Amino acid sequence: MECEGDLNKLVKGISWLVGKWKSDNGVGSYPGIESFKYNEILDFQTSGKQPLLKYSSSSSNPVSLGPMHLENGFLRGVDGNNFAFFVAHNFGLVTVEEGTLVGEYELLLKSVHINRMTTSSDTMVMSVERKLKFEFESGTLVQELSMSTDKTPELTKHLLATYTRV
């Protein structure tokens, strides 16, 4: 795995995430919105010997190539098997997600805190669940995101994309 020697021991278990990942097959849907497709770049980088990975995400419309969604944050190791993910979204949402490794190559995260700007969308995100899974055989990364809102209180799948390392 890239940069494994530079990783703090608390994030060695997710060394498979380190690097830049690209998807051109993202699909999104949610009650009340039209289904959509998107391209996305994910970037997980080491931060010296700190127990975290720096994270950024940028998605774009596959037809117009215009920007759609941006995220920045940190994925912090807690004890080598448990992690906290702090994510700021460009539309005024901030999530703190916590979770654990399932097996060797799957990270499951659930929101424990969500806050938003007072001027953000009328729809309030109430919870988020994120799964990051490295498919060892194909070398791809799959991300699935589900959420609930004040208008759709049941946790509902929202995004699914498969990434290749670039």
C-alpha atoms as a PDB file:
ATOM      1  CA  MET A   1       0.000   0.000   0.000  1.00  0.00           C
ATOM      2  CA  GLU A   2       1.135   3.560  -0.681  1.00  0.00           C
ATOM      3  CA  CYS A   3       3.016   5.405   2.067  1.00  0.00           C
ATOM      4  CA  GLU A   4       2.460   2.651   4.616  1.00  0.00           C
ATOM      5  CA  GLY A   5       5.800   3.430   6.276  1.00  0.00           C
ATOM      6  CA  ASP A   6       4.666   7.024   6.862  1.00  0.00           C
ATOM      7  CA  LEU A   7       1.377   6.027   8.481  1.00  0.00           C
ATOM      8  CA  ASN A   8       0.681   6.361  12.162  1.00  0.00           C
ATOM      9  CA  LYS A   9      -0.156   2.945  13.645  1.00  0.00           C
ATOM     10  CA  LEU A  10      -3.741   4.083  14.313  1.00  0.00           C
ATOM     11  CA  VAL A  11      -4.456   4.391  10.570  1.00  0.00           C
ATOM     12  CA  LYS A  12      -2.393   1.471   9.208  1.00  0.00           C
ATOM     13  CA  GLY A  13      -5.576  -0.626   9.087  1.00  0.00           C
ATOM     14  CA  ILE A  14      -6.986   1.704   6.417  1.00  0.00           C
ATOM     15  CA  SER A  15      -3.786   2.112   4.392  1.00  0.00           C
ATOM     16  CA  TRP A  16      -5.735   0.717   1.414  1.00  0.00           C
ATOM     17  CA  LEU A  17      -7.580   4.084   1.234  1.00  0.00           C
ATOM     18  CA  VAL A  18      -4.431   6.203   0.768  1.00  0.00           C
ATOM     19  CA  GLY A  19      -4.224   7.811  -2.650  1.00  0.00           C
ATOM     20  CA  LYS A  20      -6.403   9.428  -5.267  1.00  0.00           C
ATOM     21  CA  TRP A  21      -9.472   7.571  -6.546  1.00  0.00           C
ATOM     22  CA  LYS A  22     -11.650   8.352  -9.571  1.00  0.00           C
ATOM     23  CA  SER A  23     -15.178   7.273 -10.433  1.00  0.00           C
ATOM     24  CA  ASP A  24     -17.071   7.959 -13.625  1.00  0.00           C
ATOM     25  CA  ASN A  25     -20.051   5.775 -12.739  1.00  0.00           C
ATOM     26  CA  GLY A  26     -21.627   7.346  -9.642  1.00  0.00           C
ATOM     27  CA  VAL A  27     -25.393   7.126  -9.310  1.00  0.00           C
ATOM     28  CA  GLY A  28     -27.575   9.015  -6.904  1.00  0.00           C
ATOM     29  CA  SER A  29     -31.235   8.921  -5.979  1.00  0.00           C
ATOM     30  CA  TYR A  30     -33.422   9.963  -3.090  1.00  0.00           C
ATOM     31  CA  PRO A  31     -37.133  10.460  -2.506  1.00  0.00           C
ATOM     32  CA  GLY A  32     -38.211  13.840  -3.834  1.00  0.00           C
ATOM     33  CA  ILE A  33     -35.309  14.338  -6.274  1.00  0.00           C
ATOM     34  CA  GLU A  34     -34.649  13.112  -9.783  1.00  0.00           C
ATOM     35  CA  SER A  35     -32.070  10.301 -10.051  1.00  0.00           C
ATOM     36  CA  PHE A  36     -28.693  11.487 -11.313  1.00  0.00           C
ATOM     37  CA  LYS A  37     -25.219  10.372 -12.372  1.00  0.00           C
ATOM     38  CA  TYR A  38     -21.922  11.899 -11.307  1.00  0.00           C
ATOM     39  CA  ASN A  39     -18.146  11.666 -11.645  1.00  0.00           C
ATOM     40  CA  GLU A  40     -16.048  11.969  -8.509  1.00  0.00           C
ATOM     41  CA  ILE A  41     -12.480  12.236  -7.289  1.00  0.00           C
ATOM     42  CA  LEU A  42     -11.691  11.080  -3.735  1.00  0.00           C
ATOM     43  CA  ASP A  43      -8.314  11.843  -2.201  1.00  0.00           C
ATOM     44  CA  PHE A  44      -7.019  10.339   1.058  1.00  0.00           C
ATOM     45  CA  GLN A  45      -3.550  11.555   2.031  1.00  0.00           C
ATOM     46  CA  THR A  46      -1.257  10.930   4.960  1.00  0.00           C
ATOM     47  CA  SER A  47      -0.434  13.743   7.350  1.00  0.00           C
ATOM     48  CA  GLY A  48       3.028  12.855   8.541  1.00  0.00           C
ATOM     49  CA  LYS A  49       2.875  10.800  11.696  1.00  0.00           C
ATOM     50  CA  GLN A  50      -0.496  12.244  12.790  1.00  0.00           C
ATOM     51  CA  PRO A  51      -3.140   9.537  13.400  1.00  0.00           C
ATOM     52  CA  LEU A  52      -5.302  10.654  10.483  1.00  0.00           C
ATOM     53  CA  LEU A  53      -5.796  10.850   6.748  1.00  0.00           C
ATOM     54  CA  LYS A  54      -6.656  14.154   5.049  1.00  0.00           C
ATOM     55  CA  TYR A  55      -9.736  13.762   2.856  1.00  0.00           C
ATOM     56  CA  SER A  56     -11.193  15.638  -0.083  1.00  0.00           C
ATOM     57  CA  SER A  57     -13.943  14.836  -2.538  1.00  0.00           C
ATOM     58  CA  SER A  58     -15.065  16.643  -5.660  1.00  0.00           C
ATOM     59  CA  SER A  59     -17.948  15.531  -7.851  1.00  0.00           C
ATOM     60  CA  SER A  60     -18.992  16.803 -11.252  1.00  0.00           C
ATOM     61  CA  ASN A  61     -21.776  16.410 -13.763  1.00  0.00           C
ATOM     62  CA  PRO A  62     -20.685  13.768 -16.327  1.00  0.00           C
ATOM     63  CA  VAL A  63     -22.239  15.715 -19.231  1.00  0.00           C
ATOM     64  CA  SER A  64     -21.503  19.379 -18.512  1.00  0.00           C
ATOM     65  CA  LEU A  65     -18.453  18.603 -16.304  1.00  0.00           C
ATOM     66  CA  GLY A  66     -19.695  21.373 -13.985  1.00  0.00           C
ATOM     67  CA  PRO A  67     -19.070  21.023 -10.241  1.00  0.00           C
ATOM     68  CA  MET A  68     -21.736  19.330  -8.112  1.00  0.00           C
ATOM     69  CA  HIS A  69     -20.541  18.638  -4.569  1.00  0.00           C
ATOM     70  CA  LEU A  70     -17.392  19.212  -2.514  1.00  0.00           C
ATOM     71  CA  GLU A  71     -16.268  17.680   0.779  1.00  0.00           C
ATOM     72  CA  ASN A  72     -13.157  18.122   2.921  1.00  0.00           C
ATOM     73  CA  GLY A  73     -12.190  16.571   6.214  1.00  0.00           C
ATOM     74  CA  PHE A  74     -10.129  14.153   8.245  1.00  0.00           C
ATOM     75  CA  LEU A  75     -10.394  10.416   8.883  1.00  0.00           C
ATOM     76  CA  ARG A  76      -8.875   9.875  12.323  1.00  0.00           C
ATOM     77  CA  GLY A  77      -7.791   6.573  13.831  1.00  0.00           C
ATOM     78  CA  VAL A  78      -9.064   6.000  17.355  1.00  0.00           C
ATOM     79  CA  ASP A  79      -7.501   2.665  18.273  1.00  0.00           C
ATOM     80  CA  GLY A  80      -6.516   0.962  15.011  1.00  0.00           C
ATOM     81  CA  ASN A  81      -9.953  -0.616  14.480  1.00  0.00           C
ATOM     82  CA  ASN A  82     -12.269   2.334  15.212  1.00  0.00           C
ATOM     83  CA  PHE A  83     -12.319   5.610  13.298  1.00  0.00           C
ATOM     84  CA  ALA A  84     -13.867   9.076  13.337  1.00  0.00           C
ATOM     85  CA  PHE A  85     -14.575  10.949  10.105  1.00  0.00           C
ATOM     86  CA  PHE A  86     -15.036  14.733  10.232  1.00  0.00           C
ATOM     87  CA  VAL A  87     -16.545  16.025   6.961  1.00  0.00           C
ATOM     88  CA  ALA A  88     -17.474  19.570   5.862  1.00  0.00           C
ATOM     89  CA  HIS A  89     -19.795  19.808   2.841  1.00  0.00           C
ATOM     90  CA  ASN A  90     -19.966  22.794   0.483  1.00  0.00           C
ATOM     91  CA  PHE A  91     -23.692  23.304   1.060  1.00  0.00           C
ATOM     92  CA  GLY A  92     -23.246  24.082   4.745  1.00  0.00           C
ATOM     93  CA  LEU A  93     -23.418  20.661   6.417  1.00  0.00           C
ATOM     94  CA  VAL A  94     -20.842  19.251   8.835  1.00  0.00           C
ATOM     95  CA  THR A  95     -20.898  15.596   9.883  1.00  0.00           C
ATOM     96  CA  VAL A  96     -18.973  13.613  12.457  1.00  0.00           C
ATOM     97  CA  GLU A  97     -19.146   9.932  11.598  1.00  0.00           C
ATOM     98  CA  GLU A  98     -17.743   7.110  13.710  1.00  0.00           C
ATOM     99  CA  GLY A  99     -17.275   3.488  12.865  1.00  0.00           C
ATOM    100  CA  THR A 100     -15.173   0.422  12.617  1.00  0.00           C
ATOM    101  CA  LEU A 101     -13.353  -1.872  10.228  1.00  0.00           C
ATOM    102  CA  VAL A 102     -15.344  -4.926   9.217  1.00  0.00           C
ATOM    103  CA  GLY A 103     -12.859  -7.528   8.170  1.00  0.00           C
ATOM    104  CA  GLU A 104      -9.710  -6.204   6.542  1.00  0.00           C
ATOM    105  CA  TYR A 105     -11.073  -4.003   3.756  1.00  0.00           C
ATOM    106  CA  GLU A 106     -14.416  -2.493   4.762  1.00  0.00           C
ATOM    107  CA  LEU A 107     -15.021   0.622   6.836  1.00  0.00           C
ATOM    108  CA  LEU A 108     -18.538   1.308   8.137  1.00  0.00           C
ATOM    109  CA  LEU A 109     -19.260   4.781   9.493  1.00  0.00           C
ATOM    110  CA  LYS A 110     -22.404   6.261  11.073  1.00  0.00           C
ATOM    111  CA  SER A 111     -23.055   9.879  11.930  1.00  0.00           C
ATOM    112  CA  VAL A 112     -22.929  10.785  15.618  1.00  0.00           C
ATOM    113  CA  HIS A 113     -23.190  14.575  15.139  1.00  0.00           C
ATOM    114  CA  ILE A 114     -24.633  16.665  12.314  1.00  0.00           C
ATOM    115  CA  ASN A 115     -24.797  20.442  12.132  1.00  0.00           C
ATOM    116  CA  ARG A 116     -25.586  22.919   9.402  1.00  0.00           C
ATOM    117  CA  MET A 117     -25.494  26.598   8.568  1.00  0.00           C
ATOM    118  CA  THR A 118     -28.731  28.428   9.348  1.00  0.00           C
ATOM    119  CA  THR A 119     -28.883  29.520   5.699  1.00  0.00           C
ATOM    120  CA  SER A 120     -28.573  26.028   4.195  1.00  0.00           C
ATOM    121  CA  SER A 121     -31.342  24.048   2.476  1.00  0.00           C
ATOM    122  CA  ASP A 122     -34.762  23.647   4.060  1.00  0.00           C
ATOM    123  CA  THR A 123     -34.300  19.856   4.056  1.00  0.00           C
ATOM    124  CA  MET A 124     -32.385  18.821   7.186  1.00  0.00           C
ATOM    125  CA  VAL A 125     -30.074  15.802   7.049  1.00  0.00           C
ATOM    126  CA  MET A 126     -30.715  13.801  10.219  1.00  0.00           C
ATOM    127  CA  SER A 127     -28.297  10.862   9.830  1.00  0.00           C
ATOM    128  CA  VAL A 128     -25.655   9.493   7.459  1.00  0.00           C
ATOM    129  CA  GLU A 129     -24.197   6.022   7.021  1.00  0.00           C
ATOM    130  CA  ARG A 130     -21.169   5.494   4.786  1.00  0.00           C
ATOM    131  CA  LYS A 131     -19.532   2.269   3.647  1.00  0.00           C
ATOM    132  CA  LEU A 132     -16.070   2.280   2.066  1.00  0.00           C
ATOM    133  CA  LYS A 133     -15.025  -1.121   0.776  1.00  0.00           C
ATOM    134  CA  PHE A 134     -11.806  -2.036  -1.019  1.00  0.00           C
ATOM    135  CA  GLU A 135     -12.404  -4.829  -3.549  1.00  0.00           C
ATOM    136  CA  PHE A 136      -9.028  -6.574  -3.349  1.00  0.00           C
ATOM    137  CA  GLU A 137      -9.415  -8.709  -6.490  1.00  0.00           C
ATOM    138  CA  SER A 138     -10.260  -5.781  -8.806  1.00  0.00           C
ATOM    139  CA  GLY A 139      -8.310  -3.116  -6.898  1.00  0.00           C
ATOM    140  CA  THR A 140     -11.400  -0.887  -6.824  1.00  0.00           C
ATOM    141  CA  LEU A 141     -13.006   1.091  -4.017  1.00  0.00           C
ATOM    142  CA  VAL A 142     -16.787   1.127  -3.555  1.00  0.00           C
ATOM    143  CA  GLN A 143     -18.519   3.859  -1.592  1.00  0.00           C
ATOM    144  CA  GLU A 144     -22.172   3.698  -0.603  1.00  0.00           C
ATOM    145  CA  LEU A 145     -23.871   6.524   1.274  1.00  0.00           C
ATOM    146  CA  SER A 146     -27.306   6.387   2.891  1.00  0.00           C
ATOM    147  CA  MET A 147     -29.045   9.169   4.773  1.00  0.00           C
ATOM    148  CA  SER A 148     -32.234  10.184   6.480  1.00  0.00           C
ATOM    149  CA  THR A 149     -33.758  13.656   6.458  1.00  0.00           C
ATOM    150  CA  ASP A 150     -36.579  15.409   8.244  1.00  0.00           C
ATOM    151  CA  LYS A 151     -38.713  14.649   5.144  1.00  0.00           C
ATOM    152  CA  THR A 152     -37.539  11.027   4.722  1.00  0.00           C
ATOM    153  CA  PRO A 153     -36.891   9.742   8.260  1.00  0.00           C
ATOM    154  CA  GLU A 154     -35.981   6.189   7.163  1.00  0.00           C
ATOM    155  CA  LEU A 155     -32.327   5.615   6.338  1.00  0.00           C
ATOM    156  CA  THR A 156     -32.348   5.492   2.508  1.00  0.00           C
ATOM    157  CA  LYS A 157     -29.590   4.757   0.005  1.00  0.00           C
ATOM    158  CA  HIS A 158     -28.503   7.994  -1.691  1.00  0.00           C
ATOM    159  CA  LEU A 159     -25.168   7.444  -3.494  1.00  0.00           C
ATOM    160  CA  LEU A 160     -23.207   4.532  -4.946  1.00  0.00           C
ATOM    161  CA  ALA A 161     -19.913   4.716  -6.855  1.00  0.00           C
ATOM    162  CA  THR A 162     -16.981   2.467  -7.745  1.00  0.00           C
ATOM    163  CA  TYR A 163     -13.518   4.077  -7.969  1.00  0.00           C
ATOM    164  CA  THR A 164     -10.197   3.150  -9.515  1.00  0.00           C
ATOM    165  CA  ARG A 165      -6.880   4.401  -8.162  1.00  0.00           C
ATOM    166  CA  VAL A 166      -5.254   7.111 -10.290  1.00  0.00           C
END
